[in-house]
Amino acid sequence: MVTRCIVTKVAFTLAARHWLHVAATKTLTCYYPHQRRGRKATDAMDILPHFRGTAIHDFWSAYRYYQACHHGLCNVHHLRDLTAMAENGNQAWATRFKWFLLSAKQAVDQARLTGATALPVTKVVQIERIYDQLIAAALQANSPSPGGWPKGKRGRPKKTKPRNLAERLDKHRHEVLAFVYDFKVPFDNNLAERDIRMLKVQQKISGCFRSQEGAKDFCTIRSYLSTIRNQGLNVWSALGSALSGNILMPDLTPV
């Protein structure tokens, strides 16, 4: 069974805006083009509806719909948000939280180097205690005024971006620290993010796709080549075998 799957998406042009969805593991990659960004696309991709491991993503709501799997949040996205708030929003807690995440990652990386498969319980408890303290400071620094949050014409009262981030980190702390609890879970979703770079290269060269079939063909080829590369096979040999009709098949066994 696949224990983790990293997912992401990016926009591209095909007459109108479309979206490229990527699901990746250490050995397998799937590109999927769709005109929608949300759950209709992820349902049509037909991976997350059947997935039972841990999905690593950027907190996009469509991914969170799938409750049969566990979720982990990309902490590189958190680092970007925290850096922006520290530099532009005068949020001192954001700087401390950023260094806390990096320190936790360093602790996990060092433990892996020693051959450990988990952090000592005392270290995990220490990380959780510091997390609690930082979240408390973040919520206190962004508490509502005595009159409450300003109300718009409709919907929920609008909170500040720092408050929203602090509440998200508070509510989803287990998903933020998923990499601490399970060494098989990565710190970020960079594996899938790297896979979408070739789409950006294609856009710079060609500008856009001219047909739905062309976009699907591109995704099929890139899925194959990325999987070949991830499994340590020779990409040029794979291309040659495909052109000759004797296709080099990668190992599709999930790991």
C-alpha atoms as a PDB file:
ATOM      1  CA  MET A   1       0.000   0.000   0.000  1.00  0.00           C
ATOM      2  CA  VAL A   2       1.210   3.524  -0.766  1.00  0.00           C
ATOM      3  CA  THR A   3       1.955   5.180   2.571  1.00  0.00           C
ATOM      4  CA  ARG A   4       2.188   8.740   1.293  1.00  0.00           C
ATOM      5  CA  CYS A   5       1.121  10.696  -1.759  1.00  0.00           C
ATOM      6  CA  ILE A   6       2.112  14.281  -2.516  1.00  0.00           C
ATOM      7  CA  VAL A   7      -0.421  16.322  -4.477  1.00  0.00           C
ATOM      8  CA  THR A   8      -0.443  19.785  -6.037  1.00  0.00           C
ATOM      9  CA  LYS A   9      -1.896  21.746  -8.968  1.00  0.00           C
ATOM     10  CA  VAL A  10      -0.992  24.602 -11.303  1.00  0.00           C
ATOM     11  CA  ALA A  11      -2.828  26.619 -13.951  1.00  0.00           C
ATOM     12  CA  PHE A  12      -2.099  26.385 -17.671  1.00  0.00           C
ATOM     13  CA  THR A  13      -3.661  27.790 -20.835  1.00  0.00           C
ATOM     14  CA  LEU A  14      -5.807  25.783 -23.245  1.00  0.00           C
ATOM     15  CA  ALA A  15      -8.178  28.231 -24.990  1.00  0.00           C
ATOM     16  CA  ALA A  16      -9.341  29.054 -21.450  1.00  0.00           C
ATOM     17  CA  ARG A  17      -7.635  28.438 -18.122  1.00  0.00           C
ATOM     18  CA  HIS A  18      -7.180  24.782 -17.221  1.00  0.00           C
ATOM     19  CA  TRP A  19      -5.413  23.075 -14.338  1.00  0.00           C
ATOM     20  CA  LEU A  20      -2.672  20.480 -14.188  1.00  0.00           C
ATOM     21  CA  HIS A  21      -3.037  18.171 -11.193  1.00  0.00           C
ATOM     22  CA  VAL A  22      -0.092  16.094 -10.008  1.00  0.00           C
ATOM     23  CA  ALA A  23      -0.014  13.145  -7.623  1.00  0.00           C
ATOM     24  CA  ALA A  24       3.390  11.676  -6.844  1.00  0.00           C
ATOM     25  CA  THR A  25       5.135   9.154  -4.648  1.00  0.00           C
ATOM     26  CA  LYS A  26       8.836   8.408  -4.435  1.00  0.00           C
ATOM     27  CA  THR A  27       8.559   6.093  -7.468  1.00  0.00           C
ATOM     28  CA  LEU A  28       5.355   7.023  -9.323  1.00  0.00           C
ATOM     29  CA  THR A  29       4.023  10.224 -10.913  1.00  0.00           C
ATOM     30  CA  CYS A  30       0.656  11.025 -12.450  1.00  0.00           C
ATOM     31  CA  TYR A  31      -0.120  14.232 -14.374  1.00  0.00           C
ATOM     32  CA  TYR A  32      -3.777  14.973 -15.042  1.00  0.00           C
ATOM     33  CA  PRO A  33      -5.219  17.960 -16.973  1.00  0.00           C
ATOM     34  CA  HIS A  34      -8.693  19.237 -16.162  1.00  0.00           C
ATOM     35  CA  GLN A  35     -10.727  22.373 -16.715  1.00  0.00           C
ATOM     36  CA  ARG A  36     -11.602  22.508 -13.024  1.00  0.00           C
ATOM     37  CA  ARG A  37      -9.410  23.165 -10.023  1.00  0.00           C
ATOM     38  CA  GLY A  38     -11.426  21.515  -7.265  1.00  0.00           C
ATOM     39  CA  ARG A  39     -13.035  18.215  -6.337  1.00  0.00           C
ATOM     40  CA  LYS A  40     -14.510  17.485  -9.759  1.00  0.00           C
ATOM     41  CA  ALA A  41     -10.940  17.311 -11.050  1.00  0.00           C
ATOM     42  CA  THR A  42      -9.545  15.243  -8.169  1.00  0.00           C
ATOM     43  CA  ASP A  43     -12.501  12.857  -8.435  1.00  0.00           C
ATOM     44  CA  ALA A  44     -11.908  12.481 -12.180  1.00  0.00           C
ATOM     45  CA  MET A  45      -8.194  11.877 -11.563  1.00  0.00           C
ATOM     46  CA  ASP A  46      -9.391   8.899  -9.471  1.00  0.00           C
ATOM     47  CA  ILE A  47      -6.426   8.637  -7.094  1.00  0.00           C
ATOM     48  CA  LEU A  48      -7.405  10.385  -3.865  1.00  0.00           C
ATOM     49  CA  PRO A  49     -10.880   8.748  -3.717  1.00  0.00           C
ATOM     50  CA  HIS A  50      -9.134   5.373  -3.239  1.00  0.00           C
ATOM     51  CA  PHE A  51      -6.052   6.503  -1.315  1.00  0.00           C
ATOM     52  CA  ARG A  52      -5.598   5.258   2.261  1.00  0.00           C
ATOM     53  CA  GLY A  53      -2.153   6.570   3.205  1.00  0.00           C
ATOM     54  CA  THR A  54      -1.080  10.140   4.043  1.00  0.00           C
ATOM     55  CA  ALA A  55      -1.691  12.866   1.458  1.00  0.00           C
ATOM     56  CA  ILE A  56       0.697  15.832   1.664  1.00  0.00           C
ATOM     57  CA  HIS A  57      -0.701  19.069   0.268  1.00  0.00           C
ATOM     58  CA  ASP A  58      -1.060  22.827   0.648  1.00  0.00           C
ATOM     59  CA  PHE A  59      -4.392  22.826   2.555  1.00  0.00           C
ATOM     60  CA  TRP A  60      -6.446  23.238  -0.626  1.00  0.00           C
ATOM     61  CA  SER A  61     -10.041  22.459   0.420  1.00  0.00           C
ATOM     62  CA  ALA A  62     -10.643  19.925  -2.370  1.00  0.00           C
ATOM     63  CA  TYR A  63      -7.949  17.651  -0.943  1.00  0.00           C
ATOM     64  CA  ARG A  64      -9.423  17.782   2.548  1.00  0.00           C
ATOM     65  CA  TYR A  65     -12.701  16.338   1.300  1.00  0.00           C
ATOM     66  CA  TYR A  66     -11.120  12.872   1.245  1.00  0.00           C
ATOM     67  CA  GLN A  67     -11.377  11.588   4.798  1.00  0.00           C
ATOM     68  CA  ALA A  68     -10.486   7.940   4.163  1.00  0.00           C
ATOM     69  CA  CYS A  69      -6.817   8.965   4.102  1.00  0.00           C
ATOM     70  CA  HIS A  70      -4.661  10.896   6.546  1.00  0.00           C
ATOM     71  CA  HIS A  71      -3.456  14.401   5.738  1.00  0.00           C
ATOM     72  CA  GLY A  72      -0.187  16.243   6.190  1.00  0.00           C
ATOM     73  CA  LEU A  73       0.415  19.902   5.384  1.00  0.00           C
ATOM     74  CA  CYS A  74       3.292  21.295   3.338  1.00  0.00           C
ATOM     75  CA  ASN A  75       5.488  23.242   5.729  1.00  0.00           C
ATOM     76  CA  VAL A  76       7.342  25.094   2.980  1.00  0.00           C
ATOM     77  CA  HIS A  77       4.050  26.868   2.316  1.00  0.00           C
ATOM     78  CA  HIS A  78       3.870  27.662   6.027  1.00  0.00           C
ATOM     79  CA  LEU A  79       7.425  29.022   5.991  1.00  0.00           C
ATOM     80  CA  ARG A  80       6.528  31.366   3.127  1.00  0.00           C
ATOM     81  CA  ASP A  81       3.422  32.628   4.931  1.00  0.00           C
ATOM     82  CA  LEU A  82       5.299  33.066   8.193  1.00  0.00           C
ATOM     83  CA  THR A  83       8.149  34.938   6.498  1.00  0.00           C
ATOM     84  CA  ALA A  84       5.710  37.310   4.789  1.00  0.00           C
ATOM     85  CA  MET A  85       3.903  38.025   8.040  1.00  0.00           C
ATOM     86  CA  ALA A  86       7.122  38.562   9.969  1.00  0.00           C
ATOM     87  CA  GLU A  87       8.496  40.963   7.352  1.00  0.00           C
ATOM     88  CA  ASN A  88       5.322  42.805   6.364  1.00  0.00           C
ATOM     89  CA  GLY A  89       2.937  42.328   9.260  1.00  0.00           C
ATOM     90  CA  ASN A  90       5.162  42.942  12.284  1.00  0.00           C
ATOM     91  CA  GLN A  91       4.351  39.481  13.647  1.00  0.00           C
ATOM     92  CA  ALA A  92       7.200  38.520  15.983  1.00  0.00           C
ATOM     93  CA  TRP A  93       5.634  35.121  16.730  1.00  0.00           C
ATOM     94  CA  ALA A  94       5.857  34.240  13.021  1.00  0.00           C
ATOM     95  CA  THR A  95       9.661  34.424  13.084  1.00  0.00           C
ATOM     96  CA  ARG A  96       9.812  32.190  16.155  1.00  0.00           C
ATOM     97  CA  PHE A  97       7.388  29.715  14.630  1.00  0.00           C
ATOM     98  CA  LYS A  98       9.397  29.558  11.412  1.00  0.00           C
ATOM     99  CA  TRP A  99      12.586  28.689  13.284  1.00  0.00           C
ATOM    100  CA  PHE A 100      10.662  26.194  15.390  1.00  0.00           C
ATOM    101  CA  LEU A 101       9.532  24.303  12.264  1.00  0.00           C
ATOM    102  CA  LEU A 102      13.065  24.290  10.873  1.00  0.00           C
ATOM    103  CA  SER A 103      14.449  23.057  14.207  1.00  0.00           C
ATOM    104  CA  ALA A 104      11.890  20.237  14.297  1.00  0.00           C
ATOM    105  CA  LYS A 105      12.865  19.268  10.748  1.00  0.00           C
ATOM    106  CA  GLN A 106      16.539  19.279  11.730  1.00  0.00           C
ATOM    107  CA  ALA A 107      15.787  16.999  14.681  1.00  0.00           C
ATOM    108  CA  VAL A 108      14.001  14.538  12.383  1.00  0.00           C
ATOM    109  CA  ASP A 109      16.784  14.669   9.779  1.00  0.00           C
ATOM    110  CA  GLN A 110      19.469  14.036  12.400  1.00  0.00           C
ATOM    111  CA  ALA A 111      17.496  11.129  13.845  1.00  0.00           C
ATOM    112  CA  ARG A 112      17.192   9.588  10.378  1.00  0.00           C
ATOM    113  CA  LEU A 113      20.971   9.795   9.921  1.00  0.00           C
ATOM    114  CA  THR A 114      21.451   7.654  13.021  1.00  0.00           C
ATOM    115  CA  GLY A 115      19.108   5.006  11.629  1.00  0.00           C
ATOM    116  CA  ALA A 116      16.236   5.868  13.961  1.00  0.00           C
ATOM    117  CA  THR A 117      12.672   5.404  12.738  1.00  0.00           C
ATOM    118  CA  ALA A 118      11.075   7.755  15.265  1.00  0.00           C
ATOM    119  CA  LEU A 119      11.979  10.543  17.655  1.00  0.00           C
ATOM    120  CA  PRO A 120      12.218   9.763  21.381  1.00  0.00           C
ATOM    121  CA  VAL A 121       8.919  10.332  23.163  1.00  0.00           C
ATOM    122  CA  THR A 122      10.508  13.020  25.330  1.00  0.00           C
ATOM    123  CA  LYS A 123      11.575  14.944  22.209  1.00  0.00           C
ATOM    124  CA  VAL A 124       8.094  14.717  20.691  1.00  0.00           C
ATOM    125  CA  VAL A 125       6.562  15.986  23.943  1.00  0.00           C
ATOM    126  CA  GLN A 126       9.040  18.873  23.961  1.00  0.00           C
ATOM    127  CA  ILE A 127       8.149  19.796  20.365  1.00  0.00           C
ATOM    128  CA  GLU A 128       4.431  19.695  21.179  1.00  0.00           C
ATOM    129  CA  ARG A 129       4.942  21.876  24.268  1.00  0.00           C
ATOM    130  CA  ILE A 130       6.838  24.527  22.293  1.00  0.00           C
ATOM    131  CA  TYR A 131       4.145  24.356  19.599  1.00  0.00           C
ATOM    132  CA  ASP A 132       1.461  25.063  22.216  1.00  0.00           C
ATOM    133  CA  GLN A 133       3.406  28.040  23.573  1.00  0.00           C
ATOM    134  CA  LEU A 134       3.942  29.568  20.132  1.00  0.00           C
ATOM    135  CA  ILE A 135       0.297  29.139  19.142  1.00  0.00           C
ATOM    136  CA  ALA A 136      -0.832  30.755  22.395  1.00  0.00           C
ATOM    137  CA  ALA A 137       1.457  33.726  21.678  1.00  0.00           C
ATOM    138  CA  ALA A 138       0.161  33.966  18.100  1.00  0.00           C
ATOM    139  CA  LEU A 139      -3.491  33.971  19.160  1.00  0.00           C
ATOM    140  CA  GLN A 140      -2.834  36.506  21.908  1.00  0.00           C
ATOM    141  CA  ALA A 141      -0.955  38.807  19.523  1.00  0.00           C
ATOM    142  CA  ASN A 142      -3.905  38.697  17.123  1.00  0.00           C
ATOM    143  CA  SER A 143      -6.852  38.684  19.494  1.00  0.00           C
ATOM    144  CA  PRO A 144      -9.989  40.578  18.447  1.00  0.00           C
ATOM    145  CA  SER A 145     -10.704  44.074  19.688  1.00  0.00           C
ATOM    146  CA  PRO A 146     -13.267  44.492  22.500  1.00  0.00           C
ATOM    147  CA  GLY A 147     -15.950  45.040  19.877  1.00  0.00           C
ATOM    148  CA  GLY A 148     -15.108  41.772  18.128  1.00  0.00           C
ATOM    149  CA  TRP A 149     -14.044  41.212  14.541  1.00  0.00           C
ATOM    150  CA  PRO A 150     -15.420  43.696  11.982  1.00  0.00           C
ATOM    151  CA  LYS A 151     -18.539  42.412  10.274  1.00  0.00           C
ATOM    152  CA  GLY A 152     -19.141  42.587   6.555  1.00  0.00           C
ATOM    153  CA  LYS A 153     -22.459  42.742   4.784  1.00  0.00           C
ATOM    154  CA  ARG A 154     -22.785  38.963   4.811  1.00  0.00           C
ATOM    155  CA  GLY A 155     -20.974  35.830   5.925  1.00  0.00           C
ATOM    156  CA  ARG A 156     -18.634  35.359   8.851  1.00  0.00           C
ATOM    157  CA  PRO A 157     -16.799  38.287  10.468  1.00  0.00           C
ATOM    158  CA  LYS A 158     -13.565  38.978   8.621  1.00  0.00           C
ATOM    159  CA  LYS A 159     -10.433  38.120  10.585  1.00  0.00           C
ATOM    160  CA  THR A 160      -6.893  39.231   9.847  1.00  0.00           C
ATOM    161  CA  LYS A 161      -4.538  37.014   7.837  1.00  0.00           C
ATOM    162  CA  PRO A 162      -2.216  36.437  10.840  1.00  0.00           C
ATOM    163  CA  ARG A 163      -5.198  35.377  12.949  1.00  0.00           C
ATOM    164  CA  ASN A 164      -6.419  33.004  10.238  1.00  0.00           C
ATOM    165  CA  LEU A 165      -2.984  31.406   9.947  1.00  0.00           C
ATOM    166  CA  ALA A 166      -2.639  31.093  13.721  1.00  0.00           C
ATOM    167  CA  GLU A 167      -6.042  29.403  13.963  1.00  0.00           C
ATOM    168  CA  ARG A 168      -5.200  27.037  11.101  1.00  0.00           C
ATOM    169  CA  LEU A 169      -1.919  26.050  12.759  1.00  0.00           C
ATOM    170  CA  ASP A 170      -3.795  25.559  16.018  1.00  0.00           C
ATOM    171  CA  LYS A 171      -6.646  23.479  14.602  1.00  0.00           C
ATOM    172  CA  HIS A 172      -4.491  21.326  12.313  1.00  0.00           C
ATOM    173  CA  ARG A 173      -1.407  20.912  14.465  1.00  0.00           C
ATOM    174  CA  HIS A 174      -1.260  17.136  13.978  1.00  0.00           C
ATOM    175  CA  GLU A 175      -1.133  17.630  10.209  1.00  0.00           C
ATOM    176  CA  VAL A 176       1.516  20.350  10.523  1.00  0.00           C
ATOM    177  CA  LEU A 177       3.663  18.010  12.635  1.00  0.00           C
ATOM    178  CA  ALA A 178       2.906  14.877  10.601  1.00  0.00           C
ATOM    179  CA  PHE A 179       6.590  14.658   9.621  1.00  0.00           C
ATOM    180  CA  VAL A 180       7.501  14.522  13.332  1.00  0.00           C
ATOM    181  CA  TYR A 181       5.106  11.685  14.144  1.00  0.00           C
ATOM    182  CA  ASP A 182       5.885   9.594  11.059  1.00  0.00           C
ATOM    183  CA  PHE A 183       9.315   9.635   9.409  1.00  0.00           C
ATOM    184  CA  LYS A 184       7.759   8.382   6.154  1.00  0.00           C
ATOM    185  CA  VAL A 185       5.903  11.681   5.822  1.00  0.00           C
ATOM    186  CA  PRO A 186       7.951  14.452   4.158  1.00  0.00           C
ATOM    187  CA  PHE A 187       8.280  17.982   5.523  1.00  0.00           C
ATOM    188  CA  ASP A 188       6.797  19.466   2.331  1.00  0.00           C
ATOM    189  CA  ASN A 189       5.141  18.656  -0.991  1.00  0.00           C
ATOM    190  CA  ASN A 190       8.202  19.615  -3.048  1.00  0.00           C
ATOM    191  CA  LEU A 191       8.222  16.248  -4.820  1.00  0.00           C
ATOM    192  CA  ALA A 192       5.006  17.134  -6.652  1.00  0.00           C
ATOM    193  CA  GLU A 193       6.010  20.796  -6.994  1.00  0.00           C
ATOM    194  CA  ARG A 194       9.178  19.749  -8.843  1.00  0.00           C
ATOM    195  CA  ASP A 195       7.115  17.628 -11.211  1.00  0.00           C
ATOM    196  CA  ILE A 196       5.112  20.641 -12.417  1.00  0.00           C
ATOM    197  CA  ARG A 197       8.215  22.564 -13.490  1.00  0.00           C
ATOM    198  CA  MET A 198       8.226  20.928 -16.916  1.00  0.00           C
ATOM    199  CA  LEU A 199       4.781  22.384 -17.572  1.00  0.00           C
ATOM    200  CA  LYS A 200       6.211  25.847 -16.932  1.00  0.00           C
ATOM    201  CA  VAL A 201       9.029  25.100 -19.377  1.00  0.00           C
ATOM    202  CA  GLN A 202       6.467  23.992 -21.964  1.00  0.00           C
ATOM    203  CA  GLN A 203       4.449  27.176 -21.440  1.00  0.00           C
ATOM    204  CA  LYS A 204       7.516  29.382 -21.870  1.00  0.00           C
ATOM    205  CA  ILE A 205       8.344  27.673 -25.160  1.00  0.00           C
ATOM    206  CA  SER A 206       4.904  27.079 -26.684  1.00  0.00           C
ATOM    207  CA  GLY A 207       2.771  29.551 -24.771  1.00  0.00           C
ATOM    208  CA  CYS A 208      -0.180  27.193 -24.456  1.00  0.00           C
ATOM    209  CA  PHE A 209      -1.653  23.877 -25.502  1.00  0.00           C
ATOM    210  CA  ARG A 210      -3.690  24.022 -28.696  1.00  0.00           C
ATOM    211  CA  SER A 211      -5.965  21.070 -28.015  1.00  0.00           C
ATOM    212  CA  GLN A 212      -7.261  18.901 -25.199  1.00  0.00           C
ATOM    213  CA  GLU A 213      -5.624  15.907 -26.855  1.00  0.00           C
ATOM    214  CA  GLY A 214      -2.254  17.675 -26.877  1.00  0.00           C
ATOM    215  CA  ALA A 215      -2.519  18.448 -23.164  1.00  0.00           C
ATOM    216  CA  LYS A 216      -3.452  14.839 -22.388  1.00  0.00           C
ATOM    217  CA  ASP A 217      -0.582  13.512 -24.515  1.00  0.00           C
ATOM    218  CA  PHE A 218       1.867  15.832 -22.733  1.00  0.00           C
ATOM    219  CA  CYS A 219       0.633  14.600 -19.341  1.00  0.00           C
ATOM    220  CA  THR A 220       0.867  10.948 -20.373  1.00  0.00           C
ATOM    221  CA  ILE A 221       4.442  11.369 -21.611  1.00  0.00           C
ATOM    222  CA  ARG A 222       5.528  13.391 -18.574  1.00  0.00           C
ATOM    223  CA  SER A 223       3.919  10.875 -16.192  1.00  0.00           C
ATOM    224  CA  TYR A 224       5.895   8.095 -17.860  1.00  0.00           C
ATOM    225  CA  LEU A 225       9.227   9.950 -17.971  1.00  0.00           C
ATOM    226  CA  SER A 226       8.966  11.199 -14.388  1.00  0.00           C
ATOM    227  CA  THR A 227       8.188   7.680 -13.171  1.00  0.00           C
ATOM    228  CA  ILE A 228      11.119   6.279 -15.172  1.00  0.00           C
ATOM    229  CA  ARG A 229      13.460   8.885 -13.676  1.00  0.00           C
ATOM    230  CA  ASN A 230      12.171   8.339 -10.130  1.00  0.00           C
ATOM    231  CA  GLN A 231      12.930   4.632 -10.418  1.00  0.00           C
ATOM    232  CA  GLY A 232      16.503   5.251 -11.526  1.00  0.00           C
ATOM    233  CA  LEU A 233      15.973   4.015 -15.089  1.00  0.00           C
ATOM    234  CA  ASN A 234      17.539   5.610 -18.162  1.00  0.00           C
ATOM    235  CA  VAL A 235      15.166   8.153 -19.704  1.00  0.00           C
ATOM    236  CA  TRP A 236      16.773   8.018 -23.165  1.00  0.00           C
ATOM    237  CA  SER A 237      16.542   4.229 -23.231  1.00  0.00           C
ATOM    238  CA  ALA A 238      12.900   4.480 -22.204  1.00  0.00           C
ATOM    239  CA  LEU A 239      12.170   6.966 -24.998  1.00  0.00           C
ATOM    240  CA  GLY A 240      13.951   4.766 -27.525  1.00  0.00           C
ATOM    241  CA  SER A 241      12.046   1.691 -26.422  1.00  0.00           C
ATOM    242  CA  ALA A 242       8.733   3.555 -26.644  1.00  0.00           C
ATOM    243  CA  LEU A 243       9.466   4.775 -30.189  1.00  0.00           C
ATOM    244  CA  SER A 244      10.463   1.279 -31.275  1.00  0.00           C
ATOM    245  CA  GLY A 245       7.248  -0.191 -29.906  1.00  0.00           C
ATOM    246  CA  ASN A 246       9.038  -2.210 -27.232  1.00  0.00           C
ATOM    247  CA  ILE A 247       8.028  -0.095 -24.250  1.00  0.00           C
ATOM    248  CA  LEU A 248      10.189  -0.203 -21.136  1.00  0.00           C
ATOM    249  CA  MET A 249       7.641  -0.590 -18.361  1.00  0.00           C
ATOM    250  CA  PRO A 250       8.462   0.843 -14.926  1.00  0.00           C
ATOM    251  CA  ASP A 251       7.577  -0.997 -11.752  1.00  0.00           C
ATOM    252  CA  LEU A 252       4.025   0.060 -10.886  1.00  0.00           C
ATOM    253  CA  THR A 253       4.062  -1.628  -7.493  1.00  0.00           C
ATOM    254  CA  PRO A 254       3.123   1.012  -4.890  1.00  0.00           C
ATOM    255  CA  VAL A 255       5.643   1.560  -2.103  1.00  0.00           C
END
